[in-house]
N, C-alpha and C. Protein backbone atom coordinates (compact mmCIF):
# COMPACT_ATOMS: atom_id res chain seq x y z
N UNK A 1 90.66 123.83 71.94
CA UNK A 1 91.80 124.72 72.02
C UNK A 1 92.43 124.61 73.42
N UNK A 2 93.73 124.50 73.46
CA UNK A 2 94.48 124.38 74.70
C UNK A 2 94.65 125.74 75.37
N UNK A 3 94.49 125.75 76.69
CA UNK A 3 94.68 126.99 77.44
C UNK A 3 96.15 127.22 77.70
N UNK A 4 96.54 128.47 77.79
CA UNK A 4 97.93 128.85 78.05
C UNK A 4 98.20 128.70 79.54
N UNK A 5 99.33 128.04 79.86
CA UNK A 5 99.75 127.84 81.24
C UNK A 5 101.07 128.56 81.45
N UNK A 6 101.18 129.19 82.61
CA UNK A 6 102.42 129.88 82.96
C UNK A 6 102.90 129.35 84.30
N UNK A 7 104.17 128.90 84.35
CA UNK A 7 104.74 128.40 85.60
C UNK A 7 104.80 129.53 86.61
N UNK A 8 104.14 129.32 87.74
CA UNK A 8 104.09 130.38 88.75
C UNK A 8 104.93 130.02 89.98
N UNK A 9 104.90 128.76 90.40
CA UNK A 9 105.63 128.35 91.60
C UNK A 9 106.28 126.99 91.35
N UNK A 10 107.48 126.85 91.91
CA UNK A 10 108.23 125.59 91.82
C UNK A 10 108.73 125.26 93.22
N UNK A 11 108.32 124.13 93.75
CA UNK A 11 108.65 123.76 95.12
C UNK A 11 109.42 122.44 95.11
N UNK A 12 110.48 122.37 95.92
CA UNK A 12 111.20 121.12 96.14
C UNK A 12 111.24 120.86 97.63
N UNK A 13 110.76 119.69 98.01
CA UNK A 13 110.68 119.32 99.43
C UNK A 13 111.44 118.01 99.63
N UNK A 14 112.39 118.01 100.55
CA UNK A 14 113.23 116.83 100.77
C UNK A 14 112.93 116.14 102.10
N UNK A 15 111.89 116.55 102.76
CA UNK A 15 111.56 115.98 104.06
C UNK A 15 110.75 114.70 103.96
N UNK A 16 110.29 114.26 105.11
CA UNK A 16 109.51 113.03 105.25
C UNK A 16 108.13 113.19 104.60
N UNK A 17 107.75 112.21 103.80
CA UNK A 17 106.41 112.18 103.20
C UNK A 17 105.64 111.08 103.91
N UNK A 18 104.65 111.43 104.71
CA UNK A 18 103.93 110.42 105.49
C UNK A 18 102.93 109.64 104.64
N UNK A 19 102.46 108.56 105.19
CA UNK A 19 101.36 107.83 104.56
C UNK A 19 100.10 108.65 104.79
N UNK A 20 99.39 108.92 103.73
CA UNK A 20 98.15 109.67 103.88
C UNK A 20 96.94 108.78 103.65
N UNK A 21 97.18 107.46 103.66
CA UNK A 21 96.07 106.53 103.51
C UNK A 21 95.07 106.71 104.65
N UNK A 22 95.58 107.04 105.81
CA UNK A 22 94.73 107.32 106.98
C UNK A 22 94.97 108.75 107.39
N UNK A 23 94.55 109.68 106.54
CA UNK A 23 94.81 111.09 106.75
C UNK A 23 94.12 111.64 107.99
N UNK A 24 92.98 111.07 108.33
CA UNK A 24 92.19 111.57 109.45
C UNK A 24 92.07 110.52 110.53
N UNK A 25 92.05 110.98 111.78
CA UNK A 25 91.79 110.13 112.93
C UNK A 25 90.44 110.52 113.50
N UNK A 26 89.86 109.58 114.21
CA UNK A 26 88.55 109.80 114.81
C UNK A 26 88.62 109.50 116.30
N UNK A 27 88.02 110.36 117.09
CA UNK A 27 88.01 110.13 118.52
C UNK A 27 87.26 111.20 119.25
N UNK A 28 86.68 110.82 120.38
CA UNK A 28 85.93 111.76 121.22
C UNK A 28 84.88 112.53 120.43
N UNK A 29 84.26 111.85 119.50
CA UNK A 29 83.16 112.46 118.74
C UNK A 29 83.60 113.48 117.70
N UNK A 30 84.88 113.49 117.32
CA UNK A 30 85.33 114.45 116.31
C UNK A 30 86.31 113.80 115.34
N UNK A 31 86.53 114.49 114.26
CA UNK A 31 87.47 114.07 113.24
C UNK A 31 88.65 115.05 113.26
N UNK A 32 89.86 114.54 113.24
CA UNK A 32 91.01 115.43 113.24
C UNK A 32 92.10 114.88 112.33
N UNK A 33 92.96 115.76 111.89
CA UNK A 33 94.03 115.43 110.97
C UNK A 33 95.12 114.62 111.67
N UNK A 34 95.58 113.58 111.03
CA UNK A 34 96.69 112.76 111.51
C UNK A 34 97.90 113.65 111.79
N UNK A 35 98.60 113.41 112.88
CA UNK A 35 99.73 114.24 113.31
C UNK A 35 100.82 114.34 112.23
N UNK A 36 101.17 113.22 111.63
CA UNK A 36 102.22 113.22 110.60
C UNK A 36 101.81 114.00 109.36
N UNK A 37 100.54 113.88 108.98
CA UNK A 37 100.05 114.61 107.80
C UNK A 37 100.00 116.10 108.09
N UNK A 38 99.60 116.47 109.30
CA UNK A 38 99.58 117.89 109.68
C UNK A 38 101.00 118.47 109.61
N UNK A 39 101.99 117.73 110.11
CA UNK A 39 103.38 118.19 110.05
C UNK A 39 103.85 118.32 108.61
N UNK A 40 103.48 117.36 107.76
CA UNK A 40 103.83 117.39 106.35
C UNK A 40 103.27 118.64 105.68
N UNK A 41 102.00 118.93 105.93
CA UNK A 41 101.37 120.12 105.35
C UNK A 41 102.05 121.40 105.86
N UNK A 42 102.37 121.45 107.14
CA UNK A 42 103.08 122.62 107.70
C UNK A 42 104.46 122.77 107.06
N UNK A 43 105.17 121.64 106.88
CA UNK A 43 106.49 121.68 106.25
C UNK A 43 106.41 122.20 104.82
N UNK A 44 105.40 121.77 104.08
CA UNK A 44 105.22 122.27 102.71
C UNK A 44 104.96 123.77 102.71
N UNK A 45 104.15 124.23 103.66
CA UNK A 45 103.84 125.65 103.75
C UNK A 45 105.11 126.46 104.03
N UNK A 46 105.93 126.00 104.98
CA UNK A 46 107.17 126.72 105.31
C UNK A 46 108.16 126.67 104.15
N UNK A 47 108.21 125.55 103.43
CA UNK A 47 109.07 125.45 102.26
C UNK A 47 108.66 126.47 101.20
N UNK A 48 107.37 126.62 101.00
CA UNK A 48 106.85 127.61 100.06
C UNK A 48 107.24 129.02 100.50
N UNK A 49 107.03 129.33 101.78
CA UNK A 49 107.26 130.68 102.29
C UNK A 49 108.73 131.07 102.35
N UNK A 50 109.63 130.08 102.30
CA UNK A 50 111.06 130.39 102.23
C UNK A 50 111.43 131.01 100.89
N UNK A 51 110.65 130.70 99.86
CA UNK A 51 110.97 131.13 98.50
C UNK A 51 110.00 132.18 97.95
N UNK A 52 108.74 132.12 98.37
CA UNK A 52 107.70 132.99 97.83
C UNK A 52 106.93 133.68 98.95
N UNK A 53 106.17 134.69 98.58
CA UNK A 53 105.27 135.32 99.55
C UNK A 53 103.86 134.80 99.31
N UNK A 54 103.10 134.83 100.36
CA UNK A 54 101.71 134.40 100.28
C UNK A 54 100.96 135.35 99.35
N UNK A 55 100.43 134.82 98.26
CA UNK A 55 99.74 135.65 97.27
C UNK A 55 98.71 134.81 96.53
N UNK A 56 97.62 134.43 97.21
CA UNK A 56 96.64 133.57 96.55
C UNK A 56 95.98 134.27 95.36
N UNK A 57 95.72 133.48 94.35
CA UNK A 57 95.13 133.98 93.12
C UNK A 57 93.77 133.33 92.91
N UNK A 58 92.90 134.01 92.20
CA UNK A 58 91.58 133.45 91.87
C UNK A 58 91.64 132.63 90.59
N UNK A 59 92.81 132.53 89.97
CA UNK A 59 92.98 131.78 88.73
C UNK A 59 92.86 130.28 88.97
N UNK A 60 92.64 129.55 87.89
CA UNK A 60 92.67 128.10 87.94
C UNK A 60 94.11 127.65 87.75
N UNK A 61 94.42 126.44 88.24
CA UNK A 61 95.78 125.93 88.20
C UNK A 61 95.85 124.52 87.60
N UNK A 62 97.00 124.27 87.01
CA UNK A 62 97.41 122.93 86.62
C UNK A 62 98.63 122.64 87.49
N UNK A 63 98.68 121.46 88.12
CA UNK A 63 99.75 121.14 89.06
C UNK A 63 100.43 119.83 88.63
N UNK A 64 101.76 119.86 88.61
CA UNK A 64 102.54 118.65 88.36
C UNK A 64 103.24 118.26 89.65
N UNK A 65 103.13 116.99 90.01
CA UNK A 65 103.74 116.48 91.24
C UNK A 65 104.62 115.28 90.88
N UNK A 66 105.88 115.36 91.27
CA UNK A 66 106.82 114.27 91.09
C UNK A 66 107.25 113.83 92.48
N UNK A 67 106.86 112.62 92.87
CA UNK A 67 107.05 112.17 94.25
C UNK A 67 108.03 111.02 94.33
N UNK A 68 109.09 111.23 95.09
CA UNK A 68 110.05 110.17 95.37
C UNK A 68 110.16 109.97 96.86
N UNK A 69 110.74 108.86 97.25
CA UNK A 69 110.91 108.61 98.68
C UNK A 69 109.67 108.11 99.38
N UNK A 70 108.69 107.63 98.62
CA UNK A 70 107.49 107.08 99.24
C UNK A 70 107.81 105.68 99.76
N UNK A 71 107.52 105.45 101.01
CA UNK A 71 107.86 104.17 101.64
C UNK A 71 106.77 103.12 101.38
N UNK A 72 107.20 101.89 101.36
CA UNK A 72 106.26 100.77 101.31
C UNK A 72 105.41 100.70 100.06
N UNK A 73 105.87 101.26 98.96
CA UNK A 73 105.11 101.18 97.71
C UNK A 73 103.77 101.89 97.77
N UNK A 74 103.70 102.93 98.58
CA UNK A 74 102.43 103.65 98.73
C UNK A 74 101.94 104.23 97.41
N UNK A 75 100.64 104.35 97.32
CA UNK A 75 99.99 104.89 96.13
C UNK A 75 100.32 106.38 96.01
N UNK A 76 100.95 106.74 94.92
CA UNK A 76 101.39 108.12 94.70
C UNK A 76 100.20 109.09 94.62
N UNK A 77 99.05 108.60 94.17
CA UNK A 77 97.87 109.46 94.05
C UNK A 77 97.35 109.95 95.40
N UNK A 78 97.61 109.19 96.45
CA UNK A 78 97.03 109.53 97.76
C UNK A 78 97.59 110.81 98.38
N UNK A 79 98.76 111.26 97.95
CA UNK A 79 99.33 112.46 98.57
C UNK A 79 98.76 113.75 97.99
N UNK A 80 98.03 113.66 96.88
CA UNK A 80 97.57 114.89 96.22
C UNK A 80 96.67 115.73 97.12
N UNK A 81 95.75 115.12 97.83
CA UNK A 81 94.82 115.89 98.68
C UNK A 81 95.58 116.67 99.75
N UNK A 82 96.54 116.04 100.40
CA UNK A 82 97.33 116.73 101.42
C UNK A 82 98.12 117.88 100.81
N UNK A 83 98.68 117.66 99.63
CA UNK A 83 99.44 118.72 98.96
C UNK A 83 98.53 119.87 98.57
N UNK A 84 97.40 119.57 97.95
CA UNK A 84 96.48 120.64 97.54
C UNK A 84 95.98 121.43 98.75
N UNK A 85 95.67 120.75 99.84
CA UNK A 85 95.23 121.43 101.06
C UNK A 85 96.33 122.33 101.63
N UNK A 86 97.59 121.88 101.56
CA UNK A 86 98.70 122.63 102.14
C UNK A 86 98.89 123.99 101.47
N UNK A 87 98.54 124.10 100.20
CA UNK A 87 98.78 125.34 99.47
C UNK A 87 97.55 126.25 99.38
N UNK A 88 96.46 125.86 100.03
CA UNK A 88 95.29 126.74 100.11
C UNK A 88 95.68 127.99 100.89
N UNK A 89 95.34 129.14 100.35
CA UNK A 89 95.67 130.40 101.00
C UNK A 89 97.06 130.91 100.67
N UNK A 90 97.87 130.07 100.01
CA UNK A 90 99.21 130.49 99.61
C UNK A 90 99.26 130.78 98.12
N UNK A 91 98.81 129.80 97.31
CA UNK A 91 98.84 129.96 95.85
C UNK A 91 97.45 130.22 95.29
N UNK A 92 96.46 129.61 95.89
CA UNK A 92 95.06 129.77 95.48
C UNK A 92 94.21 129.87 96.74
N UNK A 93 92.97 130.32 96.55
CA UNK A 93 92.08 130.48 97.70
C UNK A 93 91.49 129.15 98.16
N UNK A 94 91.20 128.28 97.18
CA UNK A 94 90.57 127.00 97.47
C UNK A 94 91.13 125.95 96.53
N UNK A 95 91.34 124.75 97.04
CA UNK A 95 91.94 123.72 96.18
C UNK A 95 91.01 123.29 95.04
N UNK A 96 89.79 123.76 95.03
CA UNK A 96 88.90 123.52 93.89
C UNK A 96 89.41 124.23 92.64
N UNK A 97 90.33 125.17 92.81
CA UNK A 97 90.91 125.89 91.68
C UNK A 97 91.95 125.06 90.94
N UNK A 98 92.32 123.90 91.51
CA UNK A 98 93.20 122.99 90.79
C UNK A 98 92.33 122.26 89.77
N UNK A 99 92.43 122.72 88.55
CA UNK A 99 91.56 122.21 87.48
C UNK A 99 92.05 120.87 86.95
N UNK A 100 93.35 120.69 86.93
CA UNK A 100 93.93 119.46 86.42
C UNK A 100 95.29 119.24 87.07
N UNK A 101 95.71 118.00 87.14
CA UNK A 101 97.02 117.71 87.72
C UNK A 101 97.61 116.44 87.13
N UNK A 102 98.92 116.31 87.30
CA UNK A 102 99.66 115.15 86.84
C UNK A 102 100.54 114.70 88.00
N UNK A 103 100.53 113.41 88.31
CA UNK A 103 101.34 112.88 89.40
C UNK A 103 102.17 111.72 88.89
N UNK A 104 103.45 111.71 89.26
CA UNK A 104 104.33 110.62 88.85
C UNK A 104 105.29 110.27 89.98
N UNK A 105 105.50 108.98 90.17
CA UNK A 105 106.49 108.49 91.14
C UNK A 105 107.86 108.57 90.48
N UNK A 106 108.85 109.06 91.23
CA UNK A 106 110.23 109.13 90.72
C UNK A 106 111.15 108.41 91.70
N UNK A 107 112.34 108.07 91.25
CA UNK A 107 113.29 107.35 92.11
C UNK A 107 114.01 108.26 93.10
N UNK A 108 114.27 109.48 92.69
CA UNK A 108 114.96 110.45 93.54
C UNK A 108 114.13 110.72 94.79
N UNK A 109 114.76 110.81 95.95
CA UNK A 109 114.04 111.03 97.21
C UNK A 109 113.77 112.51 97.41
N UNK A 110 112.79 112.99 96.67
CA UNK A 110 112.41 114.40 96.73
C UNK A 110 110.97 114.52 96.24
N UNK A 111 110.31 115.56 96.68
CA UNK A 111 108.97 115.88 96.20
C UNK A 111 109.09 117.19 95.43
N UNK A 112 108.74 117.16 94.15
CA UNK A 112 108.79 118.35 93.31
C UNK A 112 107.36 118.70 92.90
N UNK A 113 107.01 119.97 93.11
CA UNK A 113 105.65 120.41 92.80
C UNK A 113 105.75 121.67 91.94
N UNK A 114 105.05 121.67 90.82
CA UNK A 114 105.03 122.80 89.90
C UNK A 114 103.59 123.28 89.75
N UNK A 115 103.38 124.55 90.03
CA UNK A 115 102.07 125.17 89.89
C UNK A 115 102.05 126.04 88.65
N UNK A 116 101.17 125.71 87.73
CA UNK A 116 101.00 126.50 86.51
C UNK A 116 99.65 127.21 86.59
N UNK A 117 99.68 128.49 86.36
CA UNK A 117 98.46 129.28 86.38
C UNK A 117 97.91 129.36 84.96
N UNK A 118 96.62 129.06 84.81
CA UNK A 118 95.98 129.20 83.51
C UNK A 118 95.76 130.67 83.21
N UNK A 119 96.07 131.07 82.01
CA UNK A 119 95.89 132.47 81.56
C UNK A 119 94.72 132.56 80.61
């Protein structure tokens, strides 16, 4: 039996989408987030907060991601971790609550993200 999904958040981001193939840098005995990826996650957070208020839910989510404007034929799957991390504390408490997702490359230079809450 299929679970009922309700669209809860719809995000459109037109900014720069960095390569997340090397999401983390290493140095001085520590691991840290790549500067471009950190900026990307911050931009997604601010884009969310322009339209919605921070209201994390304990529900599970299904997420659809339509990604355009990826440079150099980058793998569209690689951006999911950065996106899921960016919305922790905004839509859900932990990205483990993303039960399922769909990702597709599109021609339009935009990133569209749809969060569906399972009921």
